[in-house]
């Protein structure tokens, strides 16, 4: 987490996000935007500021509607906040909450895995 925090503060994550979207071939831009949005959860809230306008600009430059790029960027980031490819700080937070909720349930309401 310290490494990710440092990378976020010095701008490495922003640079990675921009280079991934800008260097994608036009046929793969939509996939690159969504994939980058999903992984943008690592950069936390910075992804919401960077990816959608950048995606709209790239879509406009390749002849697609910029609102479609904006929507794809928001969809990717929203998906990344709920189901990312990597374990992030949100996952650690939610696992603690889930553990506390499970402790409050009676034994008869729990499912036995064995």
PDB file of N, CA and C in Angstrom:
ATOM      1  N   UNK A   1       0.824  -1.190   0.000  1.00  0.00           N
ATOM      2  CA  UNK A   1       0.000   0.000   0.000  1.00  0.00           C
ATOM      3  C   UNK A   1       0.867   1.252   0.000  1.00  0.00           C
ATOM      4  N   UNK A   2       2.015   1.190   0.669  1.00  0.00           N
ATOM      5  CA  UNK A   2       2.901   2.355   0.663  1.00  0.00           C
ATOM      6  C   UNK A   2       3.432   2.641  -0.737  1.00  0.00           C
ATOM      7  N   UNK A   3       3.771   1.579  -1.465  1.00  0.00           N
ATOM      8  CA  UNK A   3       4.275   1.750  -2.826  1.00  0.00           C
ATOM      9  C   UNK A   3       3.231   2.355  -3.748  1.00  0.00           C
ATOM     10  N   UNK A   4       1.997   1.906  -3.615  1.00  0.00           N
ATOM     11  CA  UNK A   4       0.920   2.451  -4.441  1.00  0.00           C
ATOM     12  C   UNK A   4       0.661   3.907  -4.071  1.00  0.00           C
ATOM     13  N   UNK A   5       0.696   4.208  -2.775  1.00  0.00           N
ATOM     14  CA  UNK A   5       0.507   5.596  -2.338  1.00  0.00           C
ATOM     15  C   UNK A   5       1.592   6.510  -2.877  1.00  0.00           C
ATOM     16  N   UNK A   6       2.837   6.043  -2.837  1.00  0.00           N
ATOM     17  CA  UNK A   6       3.948   6.826  -3.376  1.00  0.00           C
ATOM     18  C   UNK A   6       3.802   7.012  -4.885  1.00  0.00           C
ATOM     19  N   UNK A   7       3.458   5.929  -5.591  1.00  0.00           N
ATOM     20  CA  UNK A   7       3.278   6.023  -7.041  1.00  0.00           C
ATOM     21  C   UNK A   7       2.161   6.996  -7.405  1.00  0.00           C
ATOM     22  N   UNK A   8       1.119   7.032  -6.588  1.00  0.00           N
ATOM     23  CA  UNK A   8       0.021   7.959  -6.834  1.00  0.00           C
ATOM     24  C   UNK A   8       0.465   9.399  -6.615  1.00  0.00           C
ATOM     25  N   UNK A   9       1.207   9.647  -5.564  1.00  0.00           N
ATOM     26  CA  UNK A   9       1.631  11.021  -5.244  1.00  0.00           C
ATOM     27  C   UNK A   9       2.638  11.581  -6.240  1.00  0.00           C
ATOM     28  N   UNK A  10       3.511  10.737  -6.805  1.00  0.00           N
ATOM     29  CA  UNK A  10       4.516  11.246  -7.744  1.00  0.00           C
ATOM     30  C   UNK A  10       4.012  11.252  -9.187  1.00  0.00           C
ATOM     31  N   UNK A  11       2.825  10.707  -9.436  1.00  0.00           N
ATOM     32  CA  UNK A  11       2.232  10.798 -10.769  1.00  0.00           C
ATOM     33  C   UNK A  11       2.462   9.608 -11.679  1.00  0.00           C
ATOM     34  N   UNK A  12       3.037   8.528 -11.156  1.00  0.00           N
ATOM     35  CA  UNK A  12       3.287   7.357 -11.999  1.00  0.00           C
ATOM     36  C   UNK A  12       1.972   6.715 -12.431  1.00  0.00           C
ATOM     37  N   UNK A  13       0.997   6.658 -11.540  1.00  0.00           N
ATOM     38  CA  UNK A  13      -0.282   6.050 -11.896  1.00  0.00           C
ATOM     39  C   UNK A  13      -1.011   6.862 -12.956  1.00  0.00           C
ATOM     40  N   UNK A  14      -1.005   8.178 -12.840  1.00  0.00           N
ATOM     41  CA  UNK A  14      -1.642   9.020 -13.855  1.00  0.00           C
ATOM     42  C   UNK A  14      -0.980   8.829 -15.213  1.00  0.00           C
ATOM     43  N   UNK A  15       0.337   8.777 -15.223  1.00  0.00           N
ATOM     44  CA  UNK A  15       1.070   8.574 -16.470  1.00  0.00           C
ATOM     45  C   UNK A  15       0.740   7.221 -17.078  1.00  0.00           C
ATOM     46  N   UNK A  16       0.655   6.206 -16.249  1.00  0.00           N
ATOM     47  CA  UNK A  16       0.292   4.874 -16.743  1.00  0.00           C
ATOM     48  C   UNK A  16      -1.108   4.835 -17.325  1.00  0.00           C
ATOM     49  N   UNK A  17      -2.033   5.492 -16.650  1.00  0.00           N
ATOM     50  CA  UNK A  17      -3.414   5.538 -17.141  1.00  0.00           C
ATOM     51  C   UNK A  17      -3.472   6.241 -18.498  1.00  0.00           C
ATOM     52  N   UNK A  18      -2.817   7.385 -18.588  1.00  0.00           N
ATOM     53  CA  UNK A  18      -2.840   8.145 -19.845  1.00  0.00           C
ATOM     54  C   UNK A  18      -2.168   7.384 -20.978  1.00  0.00           C
ATOM     55  N   UNK A  19      -1.027   6.776 -20.708  1.00  0.00           N
ATOM     56  CA  UNK A  19      -0.311   6.079 -21.785  1.00  0.00           C
ATOM     57  C   UNK A  19      -1.067   4.847 -22.251  1.00  0.00           C
ATOM     58  N   UNK A  20      -1.779   4.173 -21.344  1.00  0.00           N
ATOM     59  CA  UNK A  20      -2.542   2.989 -21.741  1.00  0.00           C
ATOM     60  C   UNK A  20      -3.661   3.357 -22.710  1.00  0.00           C
ATOM     61  N   UNK A  21      -4.378   4.424 -22.416  1.00  0.00           N
ATOM     62  CA  UNK A  21      -5.501   4.810 -23.274  1.00  0.00           C
ATOM     63  C   UNK A  21      -5.008   5.457 -24.570  1.00  0.00           C
ATOM     64  N   UNK A  22      -4.036   6.350 -24.467  1.00  0.00           N
ATOM     65  CA  UNK A  22      -3.598   7.092 -25.653  1.00  0.00           C
ATOM     66  C   UNK A  22      -2.854   6.236 -26.671  1.00  0.00           C
ATOM     67  N   UNK A  23      -2.197   5.181 -26.235  1.00  0.00           N
ATOM     68  CA  UNK A  23      -1.427   4.339 -27.149  1.00  0.00           C
ATOM     69  C   UNK A  23      -2.217   3.154 -27.694  1.00  0.00           C
ATOM     70  N   UNK A  24      -3.462   3.017 -27.304  1.00  0.00           N
ATOM     71  CA  UNK A  24      -4.274   1.892 -27.776  1.00  0.00           C
ATOM     72  C   UNK A  24      -4.678   2.094 -29.234  1.00  0.00           C
ATOM     73  N   UNK A  25      -4.653   1.018 -30.035  1.00  0.00           N
ATOM     74  CA  UNK A  25      -5.146   1.117 -31.413  1.00  0.00           C
ATOM     75  C   UNK A  25      -6.643   1.456 -31.415  1.00  0.00           C
ATOM     76  N   UNK A  26      -7.123   2.176 -32.425  1.00  0.00           N
ATOM     77  CA  UNK A  26      -8.536   2.597 -32.451  1.00  0.00           C
ATOM     78  C   UNK A  26      -9.540   1.456 -32.270  1.00  0.00           C
ATOM     79  N   UNK A  27      -9.224   0.267 -32.762  1.00  0.00           N
ATOM     80  CA  UNK A  27     -10.152  -0.855 -32.618  1.00  0.00           C
ATOM     81  C   UNK A  27     -10.270  -1.320 -31.166  1.00  0.00           C
ATOM     82  N   UNK A  28      -9.264  -1.055 -30.362  1.00  0.00           N
ATOM     83  CA  UNK A  28      -9.241  -1.529 -28.977  1.00  0.00           C
ATOM     84  C   UNK A  28      -9.414  -0.411 -27.948  1.00  0.00           C
ATOM     85  N   UNK A  29      -9.777   0.783 -28.394  1.00  0.00           N
ATOM     86  CA  UNK A  29      -9.878   1.920 -27.470  1.00  0.00           C
ATOM     87  C   UNK A  29     -10.940   1.674 -26.403  1.00  0.00           C
ATOM     88  N   UNK A  30     -12.089   1.165 -26.780  1.00  0.00           N
ATOM     89  CA  UNK A  30     -13.152   0.925 -25.797  1.00  0.00           C
ATOM     90  C   UNK A  30     -12.687  -0.055 -24.737  1.00  0.00           C
ATOM     91  N   UNK A  31     -12.056  -1.143 -25.165  1.00  0.00           N
ATOM     92  CA  UNK A  31     -11.548  -2.131 -24.217  1.00  0.00           C
ATOM     93  C   UNK A  31     -10.456  -1.531 -23.329  1.00  0.00           C
ATOM     94  N   UNK A  32      -9.590  -0.722 -23.919  1.00  0.00           N
ATOM     95  CA  UNK A  32      -8.518  -0.087 -23.148  1.00  0.00           C
ATOM     96  C   UNK A  32      -9.080   0.871 -22.105  1.00  0.00           C
ATOM     97  N   UNK A  33     -10.118   1.612 -22.470  1.00  0.00           N
ATOM     98  CA  UNK A  33     -10.738   2.556 -21.529  1.00  0.00           C
ATOM     99  C   UNK A  33     -11.357   1.801 -20.357  1.00  0.00           C
ATOM    100  N   UNK A  34     -12.114   0.766 -20.649  1.00  0.00           N
ATOM    101  CA  UNK A  34     -12.778   0.016 -19.579  1.00  0.00           C
ATOM    102  C   UNK A  34     -11.753  -0.704 -18.706  1.00  0.00           C
ATOM    103  N   UNK A  35     -10.762  -1.335 -19.324  1.00  0.00           N
ATOM    104  CA  UNK A  35      -9.725  -2.034 -18.563  1.00  0.00           C
ATOM    105  C   UNK A  35      -8.941  -1.058 -17.692  1.00  0.00           C
ATOM    106  N   UNK A  36      -8.601   0.090 -18.241  1.00  0.00           N
ATOM    107  CA  UNK A  36      -7.876   1.101 -17.471  1.00  0.00           C
ATOM    108  C   UNK A  36      -8.746   1.642 -16.347  1.00  0.00           C
ATOM    109  N   UNK A  37     -10.033   1.799 -16.598  1.00  0.00           N
ATOM    110  CA  UNK A  37     -10.940   2.242 -15.546  1.00  0.00           C
ATOM    111  C   UNK A  37     -11.031   1.250 -14.407  1.00  0.00           C
ATOM    112  N   UNK A  38     -11.077  -0.041 -14.752  1.00  0.00           N
ATOM    113  CA  UNK A  38     -11.124  -1.074 -13.719  1.00  0.00           C
ATOM    114  C   UNK A  38      -9.853  -1.039 -12.875  1.00  0.00           C
ATOM    115  N   UNK A  39      -8.711  -0.969 -13.534  1.00  0.00           N
ATOM    116  CA  UNK A  39      -7.450  -0.916 -12.792  1.00  0.00           C
ATOM    117  C   UNK A  39      -7.207   0.453 -12.166  1.00  0.00           C
ATOM    118  N   UNK A  40      -7.947   1.461 -12.600  1.00  0.00           N
ATOM    119  CA  UNK A  40      -7.791   2.800 -12.047  1.00  0.00           C
ATOM    120  C   UNK A  40      -8.185   2.896 -10.585  1.00  0.00           C
ATOM    121  N   UNK A  41      -8.880   1.885 -10.078  1.00  0.00           N
ATOM    122  CA  UNK A  41      -9.235   1.850  -8.664  1.00  0.00           C
ATOM    123  C   UNK A  41      -7.989   1.903  -7.787  1.00  0.00           C
ATOM    124  N   UNK A  42      -6.868   1.449  -8.305  1.00  0.00           N
ATOM    125  CA  UNK A  42      -5.615   1.507  -7.560  1.00  0.00           C
ATOM    126  C   UNK A  42      -5.254   2.963  -7.271  1.00  0.00           C
ATOM    127  N   UNK A  43      -5.544   3.845  -8.204  1.00  0.00           N
ATOM    128  CA  UNK A  43      -5.258   5.273  -8.028  1.00  0.00           C
ATOM    129  C   UNK A  43      -6.344   5.971  -7.225  1.00  0.00           C
ATOM    130  N   UNK A  44      -7.293   5.222  -6.733  1.00  0.00           N
ATOM    131  CA  UNK A  44      -8.379   5.720  -5.892  1.00  0.00           C
ATOM    132  C   UNK A  44      -9.238   6.732  -6.660  1.00  0.00           C
ATOM    133  N   UNK A  45      -9.533   7.846  -6.035  1.00  0.00           N
ATOM    134  CA  UNK A  45     -10.443   8.824  -6.637  1.00  0.00           C
ATOM    135  C   UNK A  45      -9.837   9.550  -7.824  1.00  0.00           C
ATOM    136  N   UNK A  46      -8.531   9.481  -7.988  1.00  0.00           N
ATOM    137  CA  UNK A  46      -7.897  10.141  -9.128  1.00  0.00           C
ATOM    138  C   UNK A  46      -8.394   9.567 -10.452  1.00  0.00           C
ATOM    139  N   UNK A  47      -8.770   8.306 -10.461  1.00  0.00           N
ATOM    140  CA  UNK A  47      -9.267   7.682 -11.685  1.00  0.00           C
ATOM    141  C   UNK A  47     -10.550   8.345 -12.171  1.00  0.00           C
ATOM    142  N   UNK A  48     -11.422   8.756 -11.245  1.00  0.00           N
ATOM    143  CA  UNK A  48     -12.659   9.431 -11.637  1.00  0.00           C
ATOM    144  C   UNK A  48     -12.395  10.782 -12.275  1.00  0.00           C
ATOM    145  N   UNK A  49     -11.274  11.380 -11.975  1.00  0.00           N
ATOM    146  CA  UNK A  49     -10.933  12.687 -12.531  1.00  0.00           C
ATOM    147  C   UNK A  49     -10.187  12.547 -13.857  1.00  0.00           C
ATOM    148  N   UNK A  50      -9.417  11.479 -14.019  1.00  0.00           N
ATOM    149  CA  UNK A  50      -8.540  11.340 -15.177  1.00  0.00           C
ATOM    150  C   UNK A  50      -9.191  10.573 -16.322  1.00  0.00           C
ATOM    151  N   UNK A  51      -9.728   9.405 -16.040  1.00  0.00           N
ATOM    152  CA  UNK A  51     -10.152   8.488 -17.109  1.00  0.00           C
ATOM    153  C   UNK A  51     -11.327   9.006 -17.940  1.00  0.00           C
ATOM    154  N   UNK A  52     -12.468   9.432 -17.379  1.00  0.00           N
ATOM    155  CA  UNK A  52     -13.594   9.824 -18.240  1.00  0.00           C
ATOM    156  C   UNK A  52     -13.292  10.963 -19.214  1.00  0.00           C
ATOM    157  N   UNK A  53     -12.689  12.083 -18.780  1.00  0.00           N
ATOM    158  CA  UNK A  53     -12.415  13.121 -19.783  1.00  0.00           C
ATOM    159  C   UNK A  53     -11.372  12.697 -20.804  1.00  0.00           C
ATOM    160  N   UNK A  54     -10.397  11.910 -20.369  1.00  0.00           N
ATOM    161  CA  UNK A  54      -9.386  11.412 -21.300  1.00  0.00           C
ATOM    162  C   UNK A  54     -10.025  10.468 -22.315  1.00  0.00           C
ATOM    163  N   UNK A  55     -10.926   9.623 -21.856  1.00  0.00           N
ATOM    164  CA  UNK A  55     -11.631   8.709 -22.759  1.00  0.00           C
ATOM    165  C   UNK A  55     -12.499   9.482 -23.747  1.00  0.00           C
ATOM    166  N   UNK A  56     -13.174  10.516 -23.277  1.00  0.00           N
ATOM    167  CA  UNK A  56     -13.999  11.335 -24.178  1.00  0.00           C
ATOM    168  C   UNK A  56     -13.138  11.997 -25.245  1.00  0.00           C
ATOM    169  N   UNK A  57     -11.968  12.492 -24.859  1.00  0.00           N
ATOM    170  CA  UNK A  57     -11.064  13.125 -25.815  1.00  0.00           C
ATOM    171  C   UNK A  57     -10.561  12.124 -26.858  1.00  0.00           C
ATOM    172  N   UNK A  58     -10.198  10.935 -26.409  1.00  0.00           N
ATOM    173  CA  UNK A  58      -9.704   9.914 -27.340  1.00  0.00           C
ATOM    174  C   UNK A  58     -10.820   9.468 -28.280  1.00  0.00           C
ATOM    175  N   UNK A  59     -12.015   9.259 -27.761  1.00  0.00           N
ATOM    176  CA  UNK A  59     -13.136   8.876 -28.617  1.00  0.00           C
ATOM    177  C   UNK A  59     -13.403   9.951 -29.669  1.00  0.00           C
ATOM    178  N   UNK A  60     -13.366  11.198 -29.269  1.00  0.00           N
ATOM    179  CA  UNK A  60     -13.595  12.300 -30.208  1.00  0.00           C
ATOM    180  C   UNK A  60     -12.527  12.314 -31.304  1.00  0.00           C
ATOM    181  N   UNK A  61     -11.280  12.091 -30.921  1.00  0.00           N
ATOM    182  CA  UNK A  61     -10.177  12.123 -31.889  1.00  0.00           C
ATOM    183  C   UNK A  61     -10.215  10.973 -32.887  1.00  0.00           C
ATOM    184  N   UNK A  62     -10.824   9.850 -32.516  1.00  0.00           N
ATOM    185  CA  UNK A  62     -10.897   8.736 -33.473  1.00  0.00           C
ATOM    186  C   UNK A  62     -12.246   8.695 -34.193  1.00  0.00           C
ATOM    187  N   UNK A  63     -13.083   9.720 -34.000  1.00  0.00           N
ATOM    188  CA  UNK A  63     -14.339   9.832 -34.746  1.00  0.00           C
ATOM    189  C   UNK A  63     -15.538   9.216 -34.067  1.00  0.00           C
ATOM    190  N   UNK A  64     -15.431   8.889 -32.813  1.00  0.00           N
ATOM    191  CA  UNK A  64     -16.575   8.356 -32.073  1.00  0.00           C
ATOM    192  C   UNK A  64     -17.162   9.456 -31.203  1.00  0.00           C
ATOM    193  N   UNK A  65     -18.357   9.225 -30.710  1.00  0.00           N
ATOM    194  CA  UNK A  65     -19.022  10.241 -29.891  1.00  0.00           C
ATOM    195  C   UNK A  65     -18.323  10.332 -28.531  1.00  0.00           C
ATOM    196  N   UNK A  66     -17.945  11.548 -28.109  1.00  0.00           N
ATOM    197  CA  UNK A  66     -17.222  11.693 -26.842  1.00  0.00           C
ATOM    198  C   UNK A  66     -18.022  11.277 -25.612  1.00  0.00           C
ATOM    199  N   UNK A  67     -19.358  11.383 -25.661  1.00  0.00           N
ATOM    200  CA  UNK A  67     -20.158  10.946 -24.518  1.00  0.00           C
ATOM    201  C   UNK A  67     -20.091   9.429 -24.335  1.00  0.00           C
ATOM    202  N   UNK A  68     -19.898   8.700 -25.437  1.00  0.00           N
ATOM    203  CA  UNK A  68     -19.719   7.252 -25.326  1.00  0.00           C
ATOM    204  C   UNK A  68     -18.412   6.947 -24.594  1.00  0.00           C
ATOM    205  N   UNK A  69     -17.367   7.702 -24.878  1.00  0.00           N
ATOM    206  CA  UNK A  69     -16.101   7.534 -24.170  1.00  0.00           C
ATOM    207  C   UNK A  69     -16.224   7.892 -22.708  1.00  0.00           C
ATOM    208  N   UNK A  70     -16.949   8.972 -22.434  1.00  0.00           N
ATOM    209  CA  UNK A  70     -17.182   9.387 -21.053  1.00  0.00           C
ATOM    210  C   UNK A  70     -17.927   8.286 -20.292  1.00  0.00           C
ATOM    211  N   UNK A  71     -18.947   7.721 -20.916  1.00  0.00           N
ATOM    212  CA  UNK A  71     -19.726   6.651 -20.286  1.00  0.00           C
ATOM    213  C   UNK A  71     -18.885   5.401 -20.075  1.00  0.00           C
ATOM    214  N   UNK A  72     -18.068   5.045 -21.062  1.00  0.00           N
ATOM    215  CA  UNK A  72     -17.204   3.874 -20.923  1.00  0.00           C
ATOM    216  C   UNK A  72     -16.199   4.068 -19.787  1.00  0.00           C
ATOM    217  N   UNK A  73     -15.673   5.281 -19.662  1.00  0.00           N
ATOM    218  CA  UNK A  73     -14.740   5.572 -18.574  1.00  0.00           C
ATOM    219  C   UNK A  73     -15.392   5.439 -17.213  1.00  0.00           C
ATOM    220  N   UNK A  74     -16.585   6.017 -17.052  1.00  0.00           N
ATOM    221  CA  UNK A  74     -17.294   5.907 -15.781  1.00  0.00           C
ATOM    222  C   UNK A  74     -17.693   4.466 -15.484  1.00  0.00           C
ATOM    223  N   UNK A  75     -18.110   3.718 -16.515  1.00  0.00           N
ATOM    224  CA  UNK A  75     -18.502   2.325 -16.310  1.00  0.00           C
ATOM    225  C   UNK A  75     -17.311   1.486 -15.850  1.00  0.00           C
ATOM    226  N   UNK A  76     -16.168   1.689 -16.478  1.00  0.00           N
ATOM    227  CA  UNK A  76     -14.980   0.939 -16.078  1.00  0.00           C
ATOM    228  C   UNK A  76     -14.554   1.246 -14.659  1.00  0.00           C
ATOM    229  N   UNK A  77     -14.576   2.515 -14.295  1.00  0.00           N
ATOM    230  CA  UNK A  77     -14.170   2.894 -12.942  1.00  0.00           C
ATOM    231  C   UNK A  77     -15.170   2.371 -11.918  1.00  0.00           C
ATOM    232  N   UNK A  78     -16.448   2.482 -12.224  1.00  0.00           N
ATOM    233  CA  UNK A  78     -17.459   1.959 -11.304  1.00  0.00           C
ATOM    234  C   UNK A  78     -17.334   0.462 -11.104  1.00  0.00           C
ATOM    235  N   UNK A  79     -17.050  -0.254 -12.183  1.00  0.00           N
ATOM    236  CA  UNK A  79     -16.850  -1.694 -12.072  1.00  0.00           C
ATOM    237  C   UNK A  79     -15.596  -2.006 -11.260  1.00  0.00           C
ATOM    238  N   UNK A  80     -14.562  -1.206 -11.424  1.00  0.00           N
ATOM    239  CA  UNK A  80     -13.318  -1.437 -10.688  1.00  0.00           C
ATOM    240  C   UNK A  80     -13.457  -1.200  -9.200  1.00  0.00           C
ATOM    241  N   UNK A  81     -14.357  -0.312  -8.810  1.00  0.00           N
ATOM    242  CA  UNK A  81     -14.542  -0.065  -7.384  1.00  0.00           C
ATOM    243  C   UNK A  81     -15.296  -1.209  -6.720  1.00  0.00           C
ATOM    244  N   UNK A  82     -16.022  -1.995  -7.483  1.00  0.00           N
ATOM    245  CA  UNK A  82     -16.759  -3.104  -6.891  1.00  0.00           C
ATOM    246  C   UNK A  82     -16.108  -4.451  -7.129  1.00  0.00           C
ATOM    247  N   UNK A  83     -15.419  -4.617  -8.234  1.00  0.00           N
ATOM    248  CA  UNK A  83     -14.795  -5.910  -8.548  1.00  0.00           C
ATOM    249  C   UNK A  83     -13.533  -5.668  -9.360  1.00  0.00           C
ATOM    250  N   UNK A  84     -12.439  -5.457  -8.681  1.00  0.00           N
ATOM    251  CA  UNK A  84     -11.181  -5.175  -9.354  1.00  0.00           C
ATOM    252  C   UNK A  84     -10.398  -6.462  -9.580  1.00  0.00           C
ATOM    253  N   UNK A  85      -9.410  -6.400 -10.471  1.00  0.00           N
ATOM    254  CA  UNK A  85      -8.538  -7.535 -10.726  1.00  0.00           C
ATOM    255  C   UNK A  85      -7.497  -7.704  -9.628  1.00  0.00           C
ATOM    256  N   UNK A  86      -7.271  -6.670  -8.856  1.00  0.00           N
ATOM    257  CA  UNK A  86      -6.250  -6.684  -7.813  1.00  0.00           C
ATOM    258  C   UNK A  86      -6.897  -6.368  -6.463  1.00  0.00           C
ATOM    259  N   UNK A  87      -6.256  -6.801  -5.389  1.00  0.00           N
ATOM    260  CA  UNK A  87      -6.738  -6.488  -4.053  1.00  0.00           C
ATOM    261  C   UNK A  87      -6.327  -5.057  -3.729  1.00  0.00           C
ATOM    262  N   UNK A  88      -7.285  -4.259  -3.296  1.00  0.00           N
ATOM    263  CA  UNK A  88      -7.022  -2.853  -3.002  1.00  0.00           C
ATOM    264  C   UNK A  88      -7.480  -2.516  -1.588  1.00  0.00           C
ATOM    265  N   UNK A  89      -7.333  -1.271  -1.201  1.00  0.00           N
ATOM    266  CA  UNK A  89      -7.716  -0.833   0.128  1.00  0.00           C
ATOM    267  C   UNK A  89      -9.193  -0.989   0.411  1.00  0.00           C
ATOM    268  N   UNK A  90     -10.029  -0.801  -0.592  1.00  0.00           N
ATOM    269  CA  UNK A  90     -11.471  -0.964  -0.414  1.00  0.00           C
ATOM    270  C   UNK A  90     -11.812  -2.402  -0.047  1.00  0.00           C
ATOM    271  N   UNK A  91     -11.113  -3.353  -0.648  1.00  0.00           N
ATOM    272  CA  UNK A  91     -11.358  -4.765  -0.340  1.00  0.00           C
ATOM    273  C   UNK A  91     -11.033  -5.077   1.113  1.00  0.00           C
ATOM    274  N   UNK A  92      -9.938  -4.530   1.608  1.00  0.00           N
ATOM    275  CA  UNK A  92      -9.570  -4.749   3.008  1.00  0.00           C
ATOM    276  C   UNK A  92     -10.608  -4.135   3.937  1.00  0.00           C
ATOM    277  N   UNK A  93     -11.101  -2.967   3.594  1.00  0.00           N
ATOM    278  CA  UNK A  93     -12.123  -2.307   4.401  1.00  0.00           C
ATOM    279  C   UNK A  93     -13.415  -3.122   4.422  1.00  0.00           C
ATOM    280  N   UNK A  94     -13.850  -3.552   3.251  1.00  0.00           N
ATOM    281  CA  UNK A  94     -15.107  -4.292   3.175  1.00  0.00           C
ATOM    282  C   UNK A  94     -15.013  -5.671   3.807  1.00  0.00           C
ATOM    283  N   UNK A  95     -13.832  -6.292   3.768  1.00  0.00           N
ATOM    284  CA  UNK A  95     -13.698  -7.602   4.411  1.00  0.00           C
ATOM    285  C   UNK A  95     -13.843  -7.478   5.922  1.00  0.00           C
ATOM    286  N   UNK A  96     -13.338  -6.391   6.493  1.00  0.00           N
ATOM    287  CA  UNK A  96     -13.510  -6.169   7.930  1.00  0.00           C
ATOM    288  C   UNK A  96     -14.963  -5.968   8.301  1.00  0.00           C
ATOM    289  N   UNK A  97     -15.686  -5.224   7.482  1.00  0.00           N
ATOM    290  CA  UNK A  97     -17.114  -5.006   7.739  1.00  0.00           C
ATOM    291  C   UNK A  97     -17.877  -6.320   7.606  1.00  0.00           C
ATOM    292  N   UNK A  98     -17.567  -7.099   6.582  1.00  0.00           N
ATOM    293  CA  UNK A  98     -18.239  -8.390   6.380  1.00  0.00           C
ATOM    294  C   UNK A  98     -17.972  -9.338   7.540  1.00  0.00           C
ATOM    295  N   UNK A  99     -16.753  -9.333   8.058  1.00  0.00           N
ATOM    296  CA  UNK A  99     -16.406 -10.193   9.187  1.00  0.00           C
ATOM    297  C   UNK A  99     -17.210  -9.809  10.421  1.00  0.00           C
ATOM    298  N   UNK A 100     -17.353  -8.522  10.683  1.00  0.00           N
ATOM    299  CA  UNK A 100     -18.129  -8.074  11.841  1.00  0.00           C
ATOM    300  C   UNK A 100     -19.605  -8.434  11.698  1.00  0.00           C
ATOM    301  N   UNK A 101     -20.144  -8.342  10.493  1.00  0.00           N
ATOM    302  CA  UNK A 101     -21.544  -8.705  10.277  1.00  0.00           C
ATOM    303  C   UNK A 101     -21.743 -10.193  10.495  1.00  0.00           C
ATOM    304  N   UNK A 102     -20.812 -11.007  10.019  1.00  0.00           N
ATOM    305  CA  UNK A 102     -20.932 -12.452  10.187  1.00  0.00           C
ATOM    306  C   UNK A 102     -20.867 -12.856  11.658  1.00  0.00           C
ATOM    307  N   UNK A 103     -20.142 -12.108  12.464  1.00  0.00           N
ATOM    308  CA  UNK A 103     -20.062 -12.410  13.902  1.00  0.00           C
ATOM    309  C   UNK A 103     -21.403 -12.179  14.598  1.00  0.00           C
ATOM    310  N   UNK A 104     -22.241 -11.333  14.045  1.00  0.00           N
ATOM    311  CA  UNK A 104     -23.523 -11.030  14.681  1.00  0.00           C
ATOM    312  C   UNK A 104     -24.599 -12.063  14.363  1.00  0.00           C
ATOM    313  N   UNK A 105     -24.367 -12.890  13.372  1.00  0.00           N
ATOM    314  CA  UNK A 105     -25.366 -13.888  12.997  1.00  0.00           C
ATOM    315  C   UNK A 105     -25.344 -15.076  13.950  1.00  0.00           C
ATOM    316  N   UNK A 106     -26.483 -15.668  14.147  1.00  0.00           N
ATOM    317  CA  UNK A 106     -26.568 -16.887  14.949  1.00  0.00           C
ATOM    318  C   UNK A 106     -25.972 -18.047  14.168  1.00  0.00           C
ATOM    319  N   UNK A 107     -25.614 -19.088  14.883  1.00  0.00           N
ATOM    320  CA  UNK A 107     -25.065 -20.280  14.234  1.00  0.00           C
ATOM    321  C   UNK A 107     -26.081 -20.920  13.287  1.00  0.00           C
ATOM    322  N   UNK A 108     -27.362 -20.856  13.623  1.00  0.00           N
ATOM    323  CA  UNK A 108     -28.366 -21.506  12.768  1.00  0.00           C
ATOM    324  C   UNK A 108     -28.556 -20.780  11.434  1.00  0.00           C
ATOM    325  N   UNK A 109     -28.139 -19.500  11.346  1.00  0.00           N
ATOM    326  CA  UNK A 109     -28.256 -18.751  10.106  1.00  0.00           C
ATOM    327  C   UNK A 109     -27.026 -18.862   9.220  1.00  0.00           C
ATOM    328  N   UNK A 110     -25.958 -19.405   9.741  1.00  0.00           N
ATOM    329  CA  UNK A 110     -24.725 -19.532   8.955  1.00  0.00           C
ATOM    330  C   UNK A 110     -24.760 -20.784   8.106  1.00  0.00           C
ATOM    331  N   UNK A 111     -24.097 -20.716   6.961  1.00  0.00           N
ATOM    332  CA  UNK A 111     -23.991 -21.875   6.081  1.00  0.00           C
ATOM    333  C   UNK A 111     -22.739 -22.663   6.452  1.00  0.00           C
ATOM    334  N   UNK A 112     -22.846 -23.943   6.514  1.00  0.00           N
ATOM    335  CA  UNK A 112     -21.672 -24.785   6.760  1.00  0.00           C
ATOM    336  C   UNK A 112     -21.055 -25.186   5.446  1.00  0.00           C
ATOM    337  N   UNK A 113     -19.772 -24.932   5.293  1.00  0.00           N
ATOM    338  CA  UNK A 113     -19.076 -25.293   4.057  1.00  0.00           C
ATOM    339  C   UNK A 113     -18.711 -26.764   4.064  1.00  0.00           C
ATOM    340  N   UNK A 114     -18.677 -27.386   5.196  1.00  0.00           N
ATOM    341  CA  UNK A 114     -18.220 -28.773   5.298  1.00  0.00           C
ATOM    342  C   UNK A 114     -19.293 -29.669   5.508  1.00  0.00           C
TER     343      UNK A 114
END
